[in-house]
PDB file of all heavy atoms in Angstrom:
ATOM      1  N   ALA A   1       0.889  -1.189  -0.014  1.00  0.00           N
ATOM      2  CA  ALA A   1       0.038   0.006   0.013  1.00  0.00           C
ATOM      3  C   ALA A   1       0.907   1.220  -0.027  1.00  0.00           C
ATOM      4  O   ALA A   1       0.576   2.268  -0.678  1.00  0.00           O
ATOM      5  CB  ALA A   1      -0.977   0.037   1.216  1.00  0.00           C
ATOM      6  N   GLN A   2       1.944   1.191   0.782  1.00  0.00           N
ATOM      7  CA  GLN A   2       2.954   2.312   0.712  1.00  0.00           C
ATOM      8  C   GLN A   2       3.412   2.585  -0.567  1.00  0.00           C
ATOM      9  O   GLN A   2       3.435   3.688  -1.152  1.00  0.00           O
ATOM     10  CB  GLN A   2       4.036   2.056   1.646  1.00  0.00           C
ATOM     11  CG  GLN A   2       3.760   2.057   3.113  1.00  0.00           C
ATOM     12  CD  GLN A   2       4.935   1.622   3.993  1.00  0.00           C
ATOM     13  OE1 GLN A   2       6.051   1.231   3.428  1.00  0.00           O
ATOM     14  NE2 GLN A   2       4.844   1.717   5.266  1.00  0.00           N
ATOM     15  N   LEU A   3       3.868   1.467  -1.312  1.00  0.00           N
ATOM     16  CA  LEU A   3       4.464   1.574  -2.600  1.00  0.00           C
ATOM     17  C   LEU A   3       3.445   2.152  -3.675  1.00  0.00           C
ATOM     18  O   LEU A   3       3.707   3.054  -4.424  1.00  0.00           O
ATOM     19  CB  LEU A   3       4.879   0.211  -3.038  1.00  0.00           C
ATOM     20  CG  LEU A   3       5.535   0.064  -4.575  1.00  0.00           C
ATOM     21  CD1 LEU A   3       6.781   0.929  -4.607  1.00  0.00           C
ATOM     22  CD2 LEU A   3       5.742  -1.386  -4.862  1.00  0.00           C
ATOM     23  N   ARG A   4       2.151   1.585  -3.689  1.00  0.00           N
ATOM     24  CA  ARG A   4       1.289   2.143  -4.527  1.00  0.00           C
ATOM     25  C   ARG A   4       0.795   3.557  -4.318  1.00  0.00           C
ATOM     26  O   ARG A   4       0.600   4.269  -5.221  1.00  0.00           O
ATOM     27  CB  ARG A   4      -0.079   1.127  -4.436  1.00  0.00           C
ATOM     28  CG  ARG A   4       0.223  -0.182  -5.168  1.00  0.00           C
ATOM     29  CD  ARG A   4      -0.890  -1.145  -4.953  1.00  0.00           C
ATOM     30  NE  ARG A   4      -0.677  -2.353  -5.846  1.00  0.00           N
ATOM     31  CZ  ARG A   4      -1.140  -3.490  -5.605  1.00  0.00           C
ATOM     32  NH1 ARG A   4      -1.954  -3.701  -4.479  1.00  0.00           N
ATOM     33  NH2 ARG A   4      -0.997  -4.516  -6.352  1.00  0.00           N
ATOM     34  N   THR A   5       0.759   3.921  -3.013  1.00  0.00           N
ATOM     35  CA  THR A   5       0.450   5.325  -2.697  1.00  0.00           C
ATOM     36  C   THR A   5       1.556   6.309  -3.118  1.00  0.00           C
ATOM     37  O   THR A   5       1.253   7.394  -3.684  1.00  0.00           O
ATOM     38  CB  THR A   5       0.218   5.461  -1.217  1.00  0.00           C
ATOM     39  OG1 THR A   5      -0.830   4.594  -0.781  1.00  0.00           O
ATOM     40  CG2 THR A   5      -0.143   6.999  -0.883  1.00  0.00           C
ATOM     41  N   VAL A   6       2.804   5.909  -2.973  1.00  0.00           N
ATOM     42  CA  VAL A   6       3.961   6.716  -3.466  1.00  0.00           C
ATOM     43  C   VAL A   6       3.790   6.867  -5.035  1.00  0.00           C
ATOM     44  O   VAL A   6       3.996   7.932  -5.473  1.00  0.00           O
ATOM     45  CB  VAL A   6       5.306   5.978  -3.121  1.00  0.00           C
ATOM     46  CG1 VAL A   6       6.392   6.560  -3.861  1.00  0.00           C
ATOM     47  CG2 VAL A   6       5.604   6.085  -1.585  1.00  0.00           C
ATOM     48  N   HIS A   7       3.594   5.765  -5.707  1.00  0.00           N
ATOM     49  CA  HIS A   7       3.445   5.813  -7.119  1.00  0.00           C
ATOM     50  C   HIS A   7       2.310   6.762  -7.512  1.00  0.00           C
ATOM     51  O   HIS A   7       2.409   7.601  -8.416  1.00  0.00           O
ATOM     52  CB  HIS A   7       3.168   4.479  -7.778  1.00  0.00           C
ATOM     53  CG  HIS A   7       2.939   4.422  -9.124  1.00  0.00           C
ATOM     54  ND1 HIS A   7       3.905   4.567 -10.120  1.00  0.00           N
ATOM     55  CD2 HIS A   7       1.734   4.282  -9.886  1.00  0.00           C
ATOM     56  CE1 HIS A   7       3.378   4.562 -11.304  1.00  0.00           C
ATOM     57  NE2 HIS A   7       2.045   4.353 -11.247  1.00  0.00           N
ATOM     58  N   GLU A   8       1.121   6.734  -6.826  1.00  0.00           N
ATOM     59  CA  GLU A   8       0.006   7.525  -7.173  1.00  0.00           C
ATOM     60  C   GLU A   8       0.278   9.041  -6.896  1.00  0.00           C
ATOM     61  O   GLU A   8       0.025   9.910  -7.636  1.00  0.00           O
ATOM     62  CB  GLU A   8      -1.142   7.071  -6.404  1.00  0.00           C
ATOM     63  CG  GLU A   8      -1.776   5.672  -6.816  1.00  0.00           C
ATOM     64  CD  GLU A   8      -2.699   5.180  -5.773  1.00  0.00           C
ATOM     65  OE1 GLU A   8      -3.032   5.886  -4.707  1.00  0.00           O
ATOM     66  OE2 GLU A   8      -3.210   4.020  -6.033  1.00  0.00           O
ATOM     67  N   ARG A   9       0.988   9.216  -5.731  1.00  0.00           N
ATOM     68  CA  ARG A   9       1.239  10.658  -5.438  1.00  0.00           C
ATOM     69  C   ARG A   9       2.244  11.276  -6.258  1.00  0.00           C
ATOM     70  O   ARG A   9       2.186  12.432  -6.621  1.00  0.00           O
ATOM     71  CB  ARG A   9       1.656  10.799  -3.948  1.00  0.00           C
ATOM     72  CG  ARG A   9       0.525  10.440  -3.026  1.00  0.00           C
ATOM     73  CD  ARG A   9       0.894  10.518  -1.539  1.00  0.00           C
ATOM     74  NE  ARG A   9      -0.299  10.185  -0.678  1.00  0.00           N
ATOM     75  CZ  ARG A   9      -0.262  10.118   0.663  1.00  0.00           C
ATOM     76  NH1 ARG A   9       0.939  10.456   1.259  1.00  0.00           N
ATOM     77  NH2 ARG A   9      -1.336   9.880   1.349  1.00  0.00           N
ATOM     78  N   LEU A  10       3.285  10.490  -6.685  1.00  0.00           N
ATOM     79  CA  LEU A  10       4.224  11.048  -7.662  1.00  0.00           C
ATOM     80  C   LEU A  10       3.650  11.303  -9.048  1.00  0.00           C
ATOM     81  O   LEU A  10       3.942  12.294  -9.681  1.00  0.00           O
ATOM     82  CB  LEU A  10       5.440  10.113  -7.795  1.00  0.00           C
ATOM     83  CG  LEU A  10       6.434  10.031  -6.481  1.00  0.00           C
ATOM     84  CD1 LEU A  10       7.504   9.069  -6.777  1.00  0.00           C
ATOM     85  CD2 LEU A  10       7.068  11.468  -6.260  1.00  0.00           C
ATOM     86  N   THR A  11       2.777  10.440  -9.451  1.00  0.00           N
ATOM     87  CA  THR A  11       2.124  10.583 -10.658  1.00  0.00           C
ATOM     88  C   THR A  11       1.195  11.815 -10.670  1.00  0.00           C
ATOM     89  O   THR A  11       1.181  12.573 -11.641  1.00  0.00           O
ATOM     90  CB  THR A  11       1.284   9.340 -10.995  1.00  0.00           C
ATOM     91  OG1 THR A  11       2.083   8.122 -11.059  1.00  0.00           O
ATOM     92  CG2 THR A  11       0.482   9.471 -12.407  1.00  0.00           C
ATOM     93  N   LYS A  12       0.466  11.976  -9.601  1.00  0.00           N
ATOM     94  CA  LYS A  12      -0.315  13.174  -9.444  1.00  0.00           C
ATOM     95  C   LYS A  12       0.473  14.385  -9.402  1.00  0.00           C
ATOM     96  O   LYS A  12       0.104  15.432 -10.062  1.00  0.00           O
ATOM     97  CB  LYS A  12      -1.147  13.061  -8.168  1.00  0.00           C
ATOM     98  CG  LYS A  12      -2.031  14.231  -7.945  1.00  0.00           C
ATOM     99  CD  LYS A  12      -2.871  14.065  -6.658  1.00  0.00           C
ATOM    100  CE  LYS A  12      -3.740  15.252  -6.312  1.00  0.00           C
ATOM    101  NZ  LYS A  12      -4.452  15.118  -5.031  1.00  0.00           N
ATOM    102  N   ALA A  13       1.589  14.385  -8.674  1.00  0.00           N
ATOM    103  CA  ALA A  13       2.489  15.553  -8.647  1.00  0.00           C
ATOM    104  C   ALA A  13       2.989  15.959 -10.025  1.00  0.00           C
ATOM    105  O   ALA A  13       3.091  17.145 -10.409  1.00  0.00           O
ATOM    106  CB  ALA A  13       3.667  15.403  -7.632  1.00  0.00           C
ATOM    107  N   LYS A  14       3.442  14.913 -10.767  1.00  0.00           N
ATOM    108  CA  LYS A  14       3.960  15.214 -12.176  1.00  0.00           C
ATOM    109  C   LYS A  14       2.833  15.792 -13.018  1.00  0.00           C
ATOM    110  O   LYS A  14       3.031  16.736 -13.862  1.00  0.00           O
ATOM    111  CB  LYS A  14       4.431  13.819 -12.764  1.00  0.00           C
ATOM    112  CG  LYS A  14       5.647  13.379 -12.017  1.00  0.00           C
ATOM    113  CD  LYS A  14       5.981  11.907 -12.655  1.00  0.00           C
ATOM    114  CE  LYS A  14       7.091  11.296 -11.917  1.00  0.00           C
ATOM    115  NZ  LYS A  14       7.383   9.923 -12.313  1.00  0.00           N
ATOM    116  N   ALA A  15       1.599  15.282 -12.853  1.00  0.00           N
ATOM    117  CA  ALA A  15       0.465  15.760 -13.734  1.00  0.00           C
ATOM    118  C   ALA A  15       0.034  17.088 -13.254  1.00  0.00           C
ATOM    119  O   ALA A  15      -0.635  17.839 -14.031  1.00  0.00           O
ATOM    120  CB  ALA A  15      -0.676  14.804 -13.650  1.00  0.00           C
ATOM    121  N   SER A  16       0.221  17.469 -12.100  1.00  0.00           N
ATOM    122  CA  SER A  16      -0.287  18.750 -11.496  1.00  0.00           C
ATOM    123  C   SER A  16       0.388  19.980 -12.046  1.00  0.00           C
ATOM    124  O   SER A  16       0.014  21.088 -11.827  1.00  0.00           O
ATOM    125  CB  SER A  16      -0.270  18.699  -9.928  1.00  0.00           C
ATOM    126  OG  SER A  16       1.109  18.886  -9.534  1.00  0.00           O
ATOM    127  N   GLY A  17       1.584  19.880 -12.592  1.00  0.00           N
ATOM    128  CA  GLY A  17       2.334  20.969 -13.036  1.00  0.00           C
ATOM    129  C   GLY A  17       3.388  21.419 -12.122  1.00  0.00           C
ATOM    130  O   GLY A  17       4.015  22.546 -12.297  1.00  0.00           O
ATOM    131  N   GLN A  18       3.749  20.612 -11.109  1.00  0.00           N
ATOM    132  CA  GLN A  18       4.675  21.093 -10.090  1.00  0.00           C
ATOM    133  C   GLN A  18       6.101  21.266 -10.763  1.00  0.00           C
ATOM    134  O   GLN A  18       6.808  22.175 -10.589  1.00  0.00           O
ATOM    135  CB  GLN A  18       4.743  20.226  -8.905  1.00  0.00           C
ATOM    136  CG  GLN A  18       3.621  20.246  -8.006  1.00  0.00           C
ATOM    137  CD  GLN A  18       3.747  19.422  -6.684  1.00  0.00           C
ATOM    138  OE1 GLN A  18       4.903  19.057  -6.358  1.00  0.00           O
ATOM    139  NE2 GLN A  18       2.696  19.103  -6.098  1.00  0.00           N
ATOM    140  N   ARG A  19       6.438  20.251 -11.675  1.00  0.00           N
ATOM    141  CA  ARG A  19       7.734  20.337 -12.264  1.00  0.00           C
ATOM    142  C   ARG A  19       7.760  21.482 -13.226  1.00  0.00           C
ATOM    143  O   ARG A  19       8.775  22.198 -13.129  1.00  0.00           O
ATOM    144  CB  ARG A  19       7.945  18.981 -13.066  1.00  0.00           C
ATOM    145  CG  ARG A  19       9.079  19.022 -14.008  1.00  0.00           C
ATOM    146  CD  ARG A  19       9.258  17.719 -14.672  1.00  0.00           C
ATOM    147  NE  ARG A  19      10.270  17.812 -15.782  1.00  0.00           N
ATOM    148  CZ  ARG A  19      10.728  16.806 -16.433  1.00  0.00           C
ATOM    149  NH1 ARG A  19      10.247  15.616 -16.259  1.00  0.00           N
ATOM    150  NH2 ARG A  19      11.610  16.917 -17.426  1.00  0.00           N
ATOM    151  N   GLN A  20       6.776  21.806 -13.995  1.00  0.00           N
ATOM    152  CA  GLN A  20       6.811  22.962 -14.895  1.00  0.00           C
ATOM    153  C   GLN A  20       6.762  24.232 -14.154  1.00  0.00           C
ATOM    154  O   GLN A  20       7.398  25.224 -14.555  1.00  0.00           O
ATOM    155  CB  GLN A  20       5.628  22.793 -15.820  1.00  0.00           C
ATOM    156  CG  GLN A  20       5.643  21.629 -16.818  1.00  0.00           C
ATOM    157  CD  GLN A  20       4.939  20.383 -16.223  1.00  0.00           C
ATOM    158  OE1 GLN A  20       4.711  20.240 -14.953  1.00  0.00           O
ATOM    159  NE2 GLN A  20       4.438  19.576 -17.073  1.00  0.00           N
ATOM    160  N   ALA A  21       6.079  24.226 -13.004  1.00  0.00           N
ATOM    161  CA  ALA A  21       6.033  25.427 -12.249  1.00  0.00           C
ATOM    162  C   ALA A  21       7.434  25.816 -11.611  1.00  0.00           C
ATOM    163  O   ALA A  21       7.748  27.036 -11.648  1.00  0.00           O
ATOM    164  CB  ALA A  21       5.075  25.373 -11.074  1.00  0.00           C
ATOM    165  N   GLY A  22       8.234  24.791 -11.194  1.00  0.00           N
ATOM    166  CA  GLY A  22       9.494  25.099 -10.741  1.00  0.00           C
ATOM    167  C   GLY A  22      10.403  25.722 -11.774  1.00  0.00           C
ATOM    168  O   GLY A  22      11.074  26.696 -11.549  1.00  0.00           O
ATOM    169  N   SER A  23      10.372  25.168 -12.911  1.00  0.00           N
ATOM    170  CA  SER A  23      11.104  25.753 -14.133  1.00  0.00           C
ATOM    171  C   SER A  23      10.657  27.137 -14.438  1.00  0.00           C
ATOM    172  O   SER A  23      11.544  27.992 -14.700  1.00  0.00           O
ATOM    173  CB  SER A  23      10.994  24.782 -15.172  1.00  0.00           C
ATOM    174  OG  SER A  23      11.555  23.547 -14.974  1.00  0.00           O
ATOM    175  N   ALA A  24       9.387  27.307 -14.507  1.00  0.00           N
ATOM    176  CA  ALA A  24       8.865  28.633 -14.821  1.00  0.00           C
ATOM    177  C   ALA A  24       9.229  29.723 -13.761  1.00  0.00           C
ATOM    178  O   ALA A  24       9.617  30.850 -14.209  1.00  0.00           O
ATOM    179  CB  ALA A  24       7.312  28.589 -15.001  1.00  0.00           C
TER     180      ALA A  24
END
């Protein structure tokens, strides 16, 4: 459950625009 939640949260963070926002 930990592993799957980590995967889901990282996927959500990537889709949310956090990576692009940091660069911007």
